[in-house]
Protein backbone atom coordinates (compact mmCIF):
# COMPACT_ATOMS: atom_id res chain seq x y z
CA MET A 1 58.66 23.56 16.65
CA ALA A 2 55.32 25.71 15.95
CA GLY A 3 55.43 23.75 11.93
CA ALA A 4 55.25 20.48 13.51
CA THR A 5 52.05 20.53 15.21
CA GLU A 6 50.01 22.36 12.50
CA VAL A 7 47.75 20.00 10.45
CA PRO A 8 48.20 20.94 6.64
CA ARG A 9 45.15 22.77 5.25
CA LYS A 10 44.26 19.75 2.84
CA SER A 11 43.72 16.94 5.23
CA VAL A 12 41.45 20.10 7.43
CA TRP A 13 39.17 20.50 4.13
CA ASN A 14 39.20 17.12 3.50
CA LEU A 15 37.78 16.28 6.79
CA LEU A 16 34.99 19.38 6.47
CA LEU A 17 33.98 17.90 3.26
CA ALA A 18 34.06 14.40 4.87
CA ARG A 19 32.05 15.91 7.60
CA ARG A 20 29.74 17.50 4.86
CA TRP A 21 28.97 14.87 3.46
CA ALA A 22 28.31 12.66 5.87
CA LEU A 23 25.77 15.17 7.57
CA THR A 24 24.08 15.58 4.41
CA LEU A 25 23.48 11.27 4.02
CA ALA A 26 22.55 11.47 7.69
CA ALA A 27 19.43 14.40 6.59
CA THR A 28 18.80 12.93 3.54
CA ALA A 29 18.33 9.28 5.75
CA ALA A 30 16.27 11.20 8.27
CA ILE A 31 13.89 12.56 6.12
CA LEU A 32 13.61 9.28 3.88
CA ALA A 33 12.47 7.50 7.20
CA LEU A 34 9.98 10.37 8.31
CA ILE A 35 8.21 9.68 4.96
CA SER A 36 8.36 6.24 4.82
CA ALA A 37 6.78 6.43 8.44
CA LEU A 38 3.80 8.60 7.31
CA ILE A 39 3.25 6.28 4.38
CA TRP A 40 3.40 3.48 6.20
CA ARG A 41 0.81 5.65 8.44
CA TRP A 42 -1.90 5.47 6.16
CA ILE A 43 -1.98 2.18 4.30
CA PRO A 44 -4.17 0.17 5.89
CA ARG A 45 -2.83 -2.47 8.26
CA HIS A 46 -5.52 -5.39 8.33
CA ALA A 47 -5.61 -7.67 5.14
CA GLU A 48 -8.84 -7.33 2.99
CA GLN A 49 -11.18 -9.52 3.70
CA PRO A 50 -12.47 -11.81 0.01
CA SER A 51 -15.36 -10.66 -0.98
CA ILE A 52 -17.70 -11.22 -4.01
CA VAL A 53 -20.97 -9.54 -5.48
CA VAL A 54 -23.39 -11.51 -7.70
CA LEU A 55 -24.98 -9.65 -10.09
CA PRO A 56 -28.39 -10.30 -11.48
CA PHE A 57 -29.03 -12.50 -14.66
CA ASP A 58 -30.99 -10.98 -17.47
CA ASP A 59 -33.70 -12.55 -19.18
CA LEU A 60 -32.79 -13.05 -22.67
CA SER A 61 -35.75 -15.44 -23.71
CA PRO A 62 -37.54 -13.51 -26.91
CA THR A 63 -40.62 -13.36 -24.74
CA HIS A 64 -39.06 -12.24 -21.48
CA ASP A 65 -41.40 -14.60 -19.96
CA ASN A 66 -38.83 -16.56 -17.55
CA GLU A 67 -38.09 -13.06 -15.87
CA TYR A 68 -38.74 -15.04 -12.29
CA PHE A 69 -36.18 -17.60 -12.97
CA ALA A 70 -33.51 -15.50 -13.76
CA VAL A 71 -34.55 -13.41 -10.34
CA GLY A 72 -34.41 -16.79 -8.70
CA LEU A 73 -31.15 -17.80 -9.66
CA THR A 74 -29.66 -15.07 -8.94
CA ASP A 75 -31.07 -15.02 -5.46
CA GLU A 76 -30.24 -18.48 -4.95
CA ILE A 77 -26.51 -17.89 -5.62
CA ILE A 78 -26.56 -15.32 -2.89
CA GLY A 79 -27.87 -17.47 -0.70
CA LYS A 80 -25.77 -20.38 -1.04
CA LEU A 81 -22.89 -18.00 -0.86
CA SER A 82 -24.00 -15.95 2.29
CA GLN A 83 -23.49 -19.17 4.25
CA VAL A 84 -19.72 -18.81 3.07
CA ARG A 85 -17.91 -17.19 5.94
CA ALA A 86 -15.20 -16.68 4.70
CA LEU A 87 -16.46 -14.12 1.81
CA LEU A 88 -17.54 -10.70 2.88
CA PHE A 89 -20.83 -10.35 0.83
CA ARG A 90 -21.44 -6.97 -0.76
């Protein structure tokens, strides 16, 4: 009768090996979840607001006497675009 209650060694080994794999898998999943949570914390949570930059125009005329026109055109574009509320102006 003593032999009937004994569990074969091979099945005990398989059980321990299965538990070891399960623990390793659970630990790996926990570590990945922790790393993911830390990375998620540093990602900005707000959506980027559209922005625009207006670069100045250059006076490419040979005499450079139209500088006022280039500056005025740049200022006019900036003025019109600054009225668009959906844009962040830089």
